[in-house]
Amino acid sequence: MTQSSTDTADPSPLPSPKERRRLREAKALSEEQVARAVGVTPATVRAWESGRTSPQGRKRETYAKLICPDGAGGSTEPQDAVERAPGHSARDARTGPSGQAKRSPSPPQPSPSPAPVPPPPPSPPSGRAPAGTGSVRSVAPAPIPGGADTPSRTAAEAFDELYARNAGALFRQTFLLTGRRNLAGESVERAFEQAWHRWPEVAVDGDPAGWVRAAAYEYAVSPWHQLRRAHRQVDPPPDAPGPRALLQALLDLPSSYRRTLLLHDGVGLDLPDTAAETEASTPAAAGRLRNARAAVTDRIPGLALPPDPAGQSALLREQLGALALTQPMAALPAARAIRAGSEHRAVLWTRAAIGFMVLLLGLAAIVTLTAPARYETPSAPAERVGGVAPRGGPQRLSPDDLKVHRNLGEEVVHGRARLVPQPR
């Protein structure tokens, strides 16, 4: 008996989604090359690297051997498969994307984890930023020490802590992304509801706050919100000229550029992590970031004072942090209400799916019972032939038609007259 390709009894170990992208780029492999070697599409490879899905079965083993460092994933047969793939020559295997000679890949060293950032201080009731809090760290979600879940805490307690640490900062970030307070609050609620619905997956993720942030951003930039009357117009801009000009410059950018700029210069992610969260390649993310900075600095000349990109990024990060803290905090629901809403929504979707299946089965049963057992050819409609009215049909016969029928029944006529009778 052959073994199924989806058998996951002994899965190969895989690094975290963000580490998968780093390992692939360290070996100078493109998404198309990995997709050809594993037997999937480039979109599937991007989904694996963003953490939305994970490979299974033989594809998981091949993918693990392909991206893991030498010695960690077994033999190097998948690398040979990439070299033998159509459109990939030996020269492409020896050279990187820029055409230069590629050095032998060495196992990437794990980057040291950053020190935990203390949670941002609470905003005053008036909604204005306190002194000395203009840094972007005041709007970046604070990581949870020790991971998203520990054996000493229940799932509800871990979720409540994640919500308490990141809901406020995520609301301010989403407001910068959309310019709408109601949509920002709705995006944060929907993202945390999805996180609680898929908590077993979020709990083991290396960056639970990043998982929720990606879900909130994805919901916030959805084009379907343009069809809703409540979200067609942006909220009134701030009164101060500087924050108003910066917010307007952000909202005039395309949604992909705005999201890339906010993640890199606002939240503080590096370029590969920004590209992975936006589901784009690293060169594409770099191009979006460069164009977004140029568009913002053209609108606000003060941001172009630092000549180097690092200085512009630091200044823009400070300005975005100050702009986010000037926005009043919306009244977000409690974590218990978020969990209850997620469970209620899951029950509604389950009932709707069951009702839809019952409706389909009922329609199929009705069609099966009422359908004829065999096909019957329909009879042709009656027509008038030679002046003789048809006998079938609901119409009433005229006096002339009745005389013709009576003559046909009383007289015996042979020849052509029988076929074309004449009324008397």
Protein backbone atom coordinates (compact mmCIF):
# COMPACT_ATOMS: atom_id res chain seq x y z
CA MET A 1 0.00 0.00 0.00
CA THR A 2 1.35 3.38 -0.96
CA GLN A 3 1.84 6.03 1.64
CA SER A 4 -0.20 9.22 1.32
CA SER A 5 1.61 12.45 0.67
CA THR A 6 -0.41 14.14 3.39
CA ASP A 7 0.68 11.79 6.15
CA THR A 8 1.87 13.86 9.09
CA ALA A 9 2.67 11.12 11.61
CA ASP A 10 6.35 12.08 11.67
CA PRO A 11 6.59 15.71 10.46
CA SER A 12 9.97 17.24 9.73
CA PRO A 13 10.93 20.10 12.06
CA LEU A 14 10.52 23.55 10.57
CA PRO A 15 11.74 26.93 11.84
CA SER A 16 9.40 29.81 12.49
CA PRO A 17 7.75 31.47 9.46
CA LYS A 18 10.02 34.53 9.60
CA GLU A 19 13.13 32.32 9.92
CA ARG A 20 12.05 30.36 6.83
CA ARG A 21 12.33 33.48 4.72
CA ARG A 22 15.75 34.34 6.11
CA LEU A 23 17.05 30.83 5.45
CA ARG A 24 15.74 30.88 1.88
CA GLU A 25 17.35 34.25 1.13
CA ALA A 26 20.59 33.10 2.80
CA LYS A 27 20.78 30.31 0.20
CA ALA A 28 19.97 32.79 -2.61
CA LEU A 29 16.84 30.89 -3.59
CA SER A 30 13.84 32.67 -5.03
CA GLU A 31 10.23 31.77 -4.32
CA GLU A 32 9.84 30.38 -7.84
CA GLN A 33 12.82 28.06 -7.42
CA VAL A 34 11.55 26.72 -4.10
CA ALA A 35 8.06 26.29 -5.56
CA ARG A 36 9.39 24.28 -8.53
CA ALA A 37 11.48 22.06 -6.26
CA VAL A 38 8.66 21.32 -3.82
CA GLY A 39 5.94 21.10 -6.46
CA VAL A 40 3.72 24.02 -5.40
CA THR A 41 3.02 27.57 -6.53
CA PRO A 42 4.98 30.67 -5.43
CA ALA A 43 1.85 31.88 -3.63
CA THR A 44 1.94 28.76 -1.46
CA VAL A 45 5.59 29.44 -0.57
CA ARG A 46 4.67 33.00 0.45
CA ALA A 47 1.87 31.60 2.61
CA TRP A 48 4.35 29.26 4.33
CA GLU A 49 6.74 32.14 5.00
CA SER A 50 3.99 34.42 6.33
CA GLY A 51 2.72 31.77 8.77
CA ARG A 52 -0.79 31.51 7.29
CA THR A 53 -0.28 27.86 6.34
CA SER A 54 2.36 25.15 6.83
CA PRO A 55 3.52 22.39 4.49
CA GLN A 56 2.44 18.83 5.22
CA GLY A 57 3.59 15.32 4.31
CA ARG A 58 6.31 14.85 1.72
CA LYS A 59 6.19 18.52 0.74
CA ARG A 60 7.07 19.40 4.33
CA GLU A 61 10.09 17.08 4.27
CA THR A 62 11.28 18.45 0.93
CA TYR A 63 10.79 22.04 2.05
CA ALA A 64 12.64 21.44 5.33
CA LYS A 65 15.61 19.85 3.54
CA LEU A 66 15.66 22.70 1.04
CA ILE A 67 15.75 25.71 3.36
CA CYS A 68 17.37 24.36 6.53
CA PRO A 69 21.14 24.74 6.92
CA ASP A 70 23.45 21.87 5.93
CA GLY A 71 23.21 19.13 8.48
CA ALA A 72 19.94 20.30 9.96
CA GLY A 73 17.67 19.08 7.21
CA GLY A 74 19.45 15.91 5.97
CA SER A 75 20.63 15.45 2.41
CA THR A 76 20.88 18.18 -0.18
CA GLU A 77 18.80 16.44 -2.86
CA PRO A 78 16.17 19.22 -2.96
CA GLN A 79 18.93 21.71 -3.77
CA ASP A 80 19.92 19.51 -6.71
CA ALA A 81 16.28 19.41 -7.71
CA VAL A 82 16.27 23.18 -7.86
CA GLU A 83 19.33 23.14 -10.08
CA ARG A 84 17.67 20.59 -12.39
CA ALA A 85 14.35 22.43 -12.46
CA PRO A 86 13.24 23.92 -15.80
CA GLY A 87 14.50 27.44 -16.32
CA HIS A 88 17.21 27.10 -13.64
CA SER A 89 20.71 26.54 -14.94
CA ALA A 90 23.90 25.68 -13.13
CA ARG A 91 25.03 29.27 -13.55
CA ASP A 92 21.90 30.45 -11.68
CA ALA A 93 22.75 28.06 -8.89
CA ARG A 94 26.27 29.48 -8.62
CA THR A 95 25.21 33.11 -8.87
CA GLY A 96 22.76 35.16 -6.89
CA PRO A 97 19.91 37.30 -8.19
CA SER A 98 22.33 40.13 -9.07
CA GLY A 99 24.51 37.86 -11.22
CA GLN A 100 27.54 37.91 -8.92
CA ALA A 101 29.25 34.73 -7.82
CA LYS A 102 27.50 33.21 -4.86
CA ARG A 103 29.56 32.06 -1.95
CA SER A 104 28.91 28.74 -0.34
CA PRO A 105 25.96 29.20 2.00
CA SER A 106 26.83 29.01 5.62
CA PRO A 107 24.31 28.31 8.36
CA PRO A 108 22.79 31.65 9.38
CA GLN A 109 23.47 32.62 12.92
CA PRO A 110 20.36 33.28 14.97
CA SER A 111 19.94 36.98 15.59
CA PRO A 112 19.95 37.97 19.23
CA SER A 113 16.45 38.62 20.50
CA PRO A 114 15.85 42.25 21.43
CA ALA A 115 15.41 43.20 25.02
CA PRO A 116 11.78 43.31 26.13
CA VAL A 117 10.33 46.75 25.66
CA PRO A 118 8.38 48.04 28.67
CA PRO A 119 4.70 48.66 28.03
CA PRO A 120 3.83 52.20 26.90
CA PRO A 121 2.62 54.58 29.57
CA PRO A 122 -1.14 55.16 29.59
CA SER A 123 -2.37 58.22 27.76
CA PRO A 124 -3.92 61.02 29.80
CA PRO A 125 -7.72 61.46 29.67
CA SER A 126 -7.41 64.37 27.27
CA GLY A 127 -5.73 62.12 24.69
CA ARG A 128 -2.61 64.30 24.30
CA ALA A 129 0.83 62.77 24.35
CA PRO A 130 2.76 63.21 27.61
CA ALA A 131 6.16 64.82 27.55
CA GLY A 132 9.00 62.67 26.28
CA THR A 133 6.79 60.01 24.65
CA GLY A 134 7.22 60.98 21.01
CA SER A 135 9.14 57.80 20.21
CA VAL A 136 7.57 55.16 18.03
CA ARG A 137 7.96 52.60 20.79
CA SER A 138 4.98 54.18 22.48
CA VAL A 139 2.76 52.89 19.64
CA ALA A 140 4.50 49.55 19.06
CA PRO A 141 2.98 46.51 20.79
CA ALA A 142 5.02 45.30 23.74
CA PRO A 143 6.06 41.62 23.61
CA ILE A 144 4.84 39.24 26.26
CA PRO A 145 7.72 37.89 28.37
CA GLY A 146 7.97 34.14 28.19
CA GLY A 147 5.87 33.66 25.03
CA ALA A 148 2.14 33.81 24.47
CA ASP A 149 1.32 31.01 26.88
CA THR A 150 2.97 29.29 29.80
CA PRO A 151 1.95 26.17 31.75
CA SER A 152 1.07 28.31 34.78
CA ARG A 153 -1.57 30.27 32.87
CA THR A 154 -4.77 29.26 31.16
CA ALA A 155 -5.54 30.14 27.56
CA ALA A 156 -8.00 32.83 28.63
CA GLU A 157 -5.44 34.47 30.92
CA ALA A 158 -2.77 34.47 28.22
CA PHE A 159 -5.22 35.96 25.71
CA ASP A 160 -6.32 38.62 28.16
CA GLU A 161 -2.71 39.63 28.77
CA LEU A 162 -2.02 39.79 25.03
CA TYR A 163 -5.11 41.95 24.57
CA ALA A 164 -4.29 44.27 27.46
CA ARG A 165 -0.72 44.86 26.24
CA ASN A 166 -1.40 45.41 22.55
CA ALA A 167 -4.99 46.55 21.96
CA GLY A 168 -4.37 50.26 22.61
CA ALA A 169 -1.19 50.50 20.54
CA LEU A 170 -2.73 48.47 17.73
CA PHE A 171 -5.73 50.81 17.66
CA ARG A 172 -3.46 53.85 17.17
CA GLN A 173 -1.49 52.08 14.43
CA THR A 174 -4.67 51.09 12.59
CA PHE A 175 -5.92 54.66 12.82
CA LEU A 176 -2.75 55.86 11.08
CA LEU A 177 -3.39 53.21 8.43
CA THR A 178 -7.03 54.15 7.76
CA GLY A 179 -7.73 57.60 9.23
CA ARG A 180 -11.03 56.28 10.63
CA ARG A 181 -11.53 55.70 14.33
CA ASN A 182 -14.56 53.43 13.95
CA LEU A 183 -12.82 51.27 11.36
CA ALA A 184 -9.68 51.10 13.51
CA GLY A 185 -11.65 49.89 16.53
CA GLU A 186 -13.57 47.38 14.42
CA SER A 187 -10.33 46.06 12.90
CA VAL A 188 -8.77 45.55 16.33
CA GLU A 189 -11.86 43.73 17.63
CA ARG A 190 -12.07 41.48 14.58
CA ALA A 191 -8.34 40.66 14.72
CA PHE A 192 -8.49 39.63 18.38
CA GLU A 193 -11.66 37.63 17.74
CA GLN A 194 -9.79 35.71 15.03
CA ALA A 195 -6.86 35.24 17.40
CA TRP A 196 -9.10 33.70 20.07
CA HIS A 197 -10.85 31.52 17.48
CA ARG A 198 -7.44 30.22 16.33
CA TRP A 199 -5.72 30.45 19.69
CA PRO A 200 -3.94 27.04 19.47
CA GLU A 201 -2.13 28.41 16.42
CA VAL A 202 -1.52 31.89 17.87
CA ALA A 203 -0.29 30.53 21.22
CA VAL A 204 2.62 28.66 19.63
CA ASP A 205 3.49 31.48 17.21
CA GLY A 206 6.81 33.18 17.82
CA ASP A 207 5.22 36.64 17.64
CA PRO A 208 1.56 36.59 18.78
CA ALA A 209 1.38 40.40 18.65
CA GLY A 210 2.59 40.30 15.05
CA TRP A 211 -0.05 37.70 14.18
CA VAL A 212 -2.81 39.94 15.52
CA ARG A 213 -1.29 43.03 13.88
CA ALA A 214 -1.24 41.34 10.48
CA ALA A 215 -4.89 40.32 10.87
CA ALA A 216 -5.92 43.84 11.92
CA TYR A 217 -4.02 45.49 9.04
CA GLU A 218 -5.47 43.04 6.53
CA TYR A 219 -9.00 43.78 7.68
CA ALA A 220 -8.41 47.54 7.81
CA VAL A 221 -7.12 47.89 4.23
CA SER A 222 -9.83 45.71 2.69
CA PRO A 223 -11.38 47.55 -0.30
CA TRP A 224 -14.85 46.29 0.64
CA HIS A 225 -15.08 48.98 3.32
CA GLN A 226 -15.54 51.57 0.57
CA LEU A 227 -19.02 50.12 0.00
CA ARG A 228 -20.05 50.89 3.58
CA ARG A 229 -21.43 54.35 4.11
CA ALA A 230 -19.99 54.64 7.62
CA HIS A 231 -16.39 54.17 6.37
CA ARG A 232 -16.40 56.18 3.14
CA GLN A 233 -15.24 59.43 4.72
CA VAL A 234 -12.19 59.86 6.94
CA ASP A 235 -12.44 61.44 10.38
CA PRO A 236 -11.66 65.15 10.86
CA PRO A 237 -7.87 65.71 10.89
CA PRO A 238 -5.99 67.00 13.96
CA ASP A 239 -6.04 70.71 14.68
CA ALA A 240 -2.25 71.15 14.72
CA PRO A 241 -0.79 71.89 11.25
CA GLY A 242 2.11 69.43 11.55
CA PRO A 243 0.15 66.30 12.55
CA ARG A 244 -2.60 67.20 10.08
CA ALA A 245 -0.13 67.44 7.17
CA LEU A 246 1.57 64.17 8.14
CA LEU A 247 -1.72 62.28 8.45
CA GLN A 248 -2.94 63.62 5.11
CA ALA A 249 0.33 62.64 3.46
CA LEU A 250 -0.04 59.10 4.82
CA LEU A 251 -3.64 58.75 3.67
CA ASP A 252 -2.74 59.94 0.16
CA LEU A 253 -0.35 56.99 -0.26
CA PRO A 254 -1.53 53.67 -1.72
CA SER A 255 -2.53 51.18 0.93
CA SER A 256 0.46 48.89 0.23
CA TYR A 257 2.93 51.80 0.51
CA ARG A 258 1.23 53.11 3.64
CA ARG A 259 1.35 49.70 5.30
CA THR A 260 5.02 49.18 4.43
CA LEU A 261 5.98 52.62 5.74
CA LEU A 262 4.05 52.12 8.98
CA LEU A 263 5.56 48.70 9.65
CA HIS A 264 9.16 49.68 8.91
CA ASP A 265 9.38 53.27 10.14
CA GLY A 266 6.46 53.21 12.57
CA VAL A 267 6.52 49.83 14.29
CA GLY A 268 10.25 49.30 13.73
CA LEU A 269 10.34 46.02 11.81
CA ASP A 270 13.33 45.28 9.61
CA LEU A 271 12.95 45.01 5.86
CA PRO A 272 12.64 41.17 5.59
CA ASP A 273 10.00 41.07 8.34
CA THR A 274 8.13 43.93 6.69
CA ALA A 275 8.20 42.12 3.37
CA ALA A 276 6.99 38.89 4.97
CA GLU A 277 4.08 40.58 6.76
CA THR A 278 2.98 42.40 3.60
CA GLU A 279 3.40 39.20 1.54
CA ALA A 280 5.87 40.83 -0.84
CA SER A 281 9.45 40.16 -1.83
CA THR A 282 12.22 42.04 -0.09
CA PRO A 283 13.14 44.12 -3.18
CA ALA A 284 9.47 45.02 -3.68
CA ALA A 285 9.15 46.08 -0.04
CA ALA A 286 12.31 48.17 -0.35
CA GLY A 287 10.92 49.91 -3.43
CA ARG A 288 7.61 50.64 -1.72
CA LEU A 289 9.40 52.04 1.32
CA ARG A 290 11.64 54.25 -0.79
CA ASN A 291 8.72 55.64 -2.81
CA ALA A 292 6.60 56.18 0.31
CA ARG A 293 9.36 58.12 2.04
CA ALA A 294 9.87 60.25 -1.04
CA ALA A 295 6.17 61.06 -1.27
CA VAL A 296 5.93 61.97 2.43
CA THR A 297 9.09 64.09 2.43
CA ASP A 298 7.85 65.99 -0.63
CA ARG A 299 4.73 66.95 1.32
CA ILE A 300 6.65 67.68 4.54
CA PRO A 301 10.07 69.18 3.73
CA GLY A 302 11.19 69.01 7.37
CA LEU A 303 11.44 65.22 7.17
CA ALA A 304 14.04 65.44 4.38
CA LEU A 305 16.61 67.26 6.55
CA PRO A 306 18.59 64.11 7.50
CA PRO A 307 20.60 63.23 4.40
CA ASP A 308 20.86 59.50 5.10
CA PRO A 309 17.90 57.07 5.00
CA ALA A 310 18.57 55.95 8.58
CA GLY A 311 18.19 59.50 9.86
CA GLN A 312 15.01 59.99 7.86
CA SER A 313 13.64 56.74 9.24
CA ALA A 314 14.40 57.76 12.83
CA LEU A 315 12.82 61.19 12.37
CA LEU A 316 9.76 59.75 10.66
CA ARG A 317 9.44 57.15 13.41
CA GLU A 318 9.39 59.88 16.03
CA GLN A 319 6.84 61.92 14.09
CA LEU A 320 4.55 58.90 13.59
CA GLY A 321 4.76 58.05 17.28
CA ALA A 322 3.82 61.60 18.26
CA LEU A 323 0.96 61.62 15.74
CA ALA A 324 -0.41 58.33 17.04
CA LEU A 325 -0.32 59.48 20.66
CA THR A 326 -2.25 62.65 19.84
CA GLN A 327 -5.28 60.58 18.88
CA PRO A 328 -7.78 59.92 21.69
CA MET A 329 -8.12 56.30 22.65
CA ALA A 330 -11.41 54.67 21.67
CA ALA A 331 -13.46 52.68 24.16
CA LEU A 332 -12.48 49.14 23.22
CA PRO A 333 -14.46 46.26 24.72
CA ALA A 334 -13.04 44.13 27.48
CA ALA A 335 -11.09 40.98 26.72
CA ARG A 336 -13.92 38.84 28.09
CA ALA A 337 -16.33 40.47 25.64
CA ILE A 338 -13.91 39.79 22.78
CA ARG A 339 -13.73 36.12 23.69
CA ALA A 340 -17.50 35.88 24.03
CA GLY A 341 -18.02 37.62 20.67
CA SER A 342 -15.57 35.26 18.97
CA GLU A 343 -17.32 32.21 20.36
CA HIS A 344 -20.74 33.61 19.43
CA ARG A 345 -19.57 34.31 15.87
CA ALA A 346 -18.18 30.78 15.59
CA VAL A 347 -21.54 29.34 16.73
CA LEU A 348 -23.42 31.47 14.20
CA TRP A 349 -21.16 30.40 11.34
CA THR A 350 -21.49 26.76 12.38
CA ARG A 351 -25.27 26.98 12.46
CA ALA A 352 -25.32 28.76 9.12
CA ALA A 353 -23.15 26.07 7.56
CA ILE A 354 -25.36 23.32 8.99
CA GLY A 355 -28.51 25.09 7.76
CA PHE A 356 -27.03 25.52 4.30
CA MET A 357 -26.12 21.83 4.12
CA VAL A 358 -29.62 20.84 5.28
CA LEU A 359 -31.13 23.09 2.60
CA LEU A 360 -28.95 21.50 -0.09
CA LEU A 361 -29.87 18.00 1.06
CA GLY A 362 -33.59 18.92 1.11
CA LEU A 363 -33.44 20.32 -2.41
CA ALA A 364 -31.60 17.23 -3.61
CA ALA A 365 -34.25 14.97 -2.00
CA ILE A 366 -37.12 16.95 -3.60
CA VAL A 367 -35.50 16.78 -7.03
CA THR A 368 -34.90 13.04 -6.62
CA LEU A 369 -38.53 12.34 -5.63
CA THR A 370 -40.19 14.57 -8.22
CA ALA A 371 -37.95 13.90 -11.22
CA PRO A 372 -39.39 11.45 -13.83
CA ALA A 373 -37.94 7.99 -13.94
CA ARG A 374 -37.50 8.12 -17.74
CA TYR A 375 -37.42 10.72 -20.42
CA GLU A 376 -40.62 11.18 -22.44
CA THR A 377 -40.50 12.97 -25.74
CA PRO A 378 -43.01 15.82 -25.71
CA SER A 379 -45.80 15.67 -28.30
CA ALA A 380 -45.82 18.22 -31.08
CA PRO A 381 -48.63 20.78 -30.87
CA ALA A 382 -51.69 20.22 -33.06
CA GLU A 383 -51.78 22.21 -36.29
CA ARG A 384 -54.42 22.97 -38.94
CA VAL A 385 -53.88 20.80 -42.04
CA GLY A 386 -55.70 21.51 -45.27
CA GLY A 387 -58.29 23.70 -43.62
CA VAL A 388 -59.19 21.04 -41.02
CA ALA A 389 -58.98 22.31 -37.45
CA PRO A 390 -57.09 20.08 -35.00
CA ARG A 391 -59.23 18.05 -32.61
CA GLY A 392 -56.91 18.55 -29.68
CA GLY A 393 -56.48 21.76 -27.74
CA PRO A 394 -58.60 23.94 -25.51
CA GLN A 395 -59.89 26.19 -28.31
CA ARG A 396 -63.52 26.03 -29.44
CA LEU A 397 -64.34 25.01 -33.04
CA SER A 398 -66.07 27.50 -35.33
CA PRO A 399 -69.29 26.55 -37.20
CA ASP A 400 -67.31 25.97 -40.42
CA ASP A 401 -64.90 23.67 -38.56
CA LEU A 402 -67.83 21.71 -37.12
CA LYS A 403 -69.37 21.31 -40.63
CA VAL A 404 -66.08 20.02 -42.01
CA HIS A 405 -65.78 17.46 -39.23
CA ARG A 406 -69.38 16.35 -39.77
CA ASN A 407 -68.90 15.92 -43.52
CA LEU A 408 -65.77 13.87 -42.93
CA GLY A 409 -67.67 11.57 -40.68
CA GLU A 410 -70.75 11.15 -42.90
CA GLU A 411 -69.32 10.86 -46.43
CA VAL A 412 -66.85 8.38 -47.81
CA VAL A 413 -64.69 10.20 -50.30
CA HIS A 414 -61.74 8.75 -52.13
CA GLY A 415 -58.89 10.58 -53.73
CA ARG A 416 -57.70 14.11 -53.31
CA ALA A 417 -61.01 15.36 -51.99
CA ARG A 418 -60.57 13.14 -48.95
CA LEU A 419 -57.39 14.95 -48.11
CA VAL A 420 -58.74 18.45 -48.79
CA PRO A 421 -62.49 18.42 -48.02
CA GLN A 422 -64.70 21.24 -49.18
CA PRO A 423 -67.35 22.68 -46.81
CA ARG A 424 -70.98 22.72 -48.05
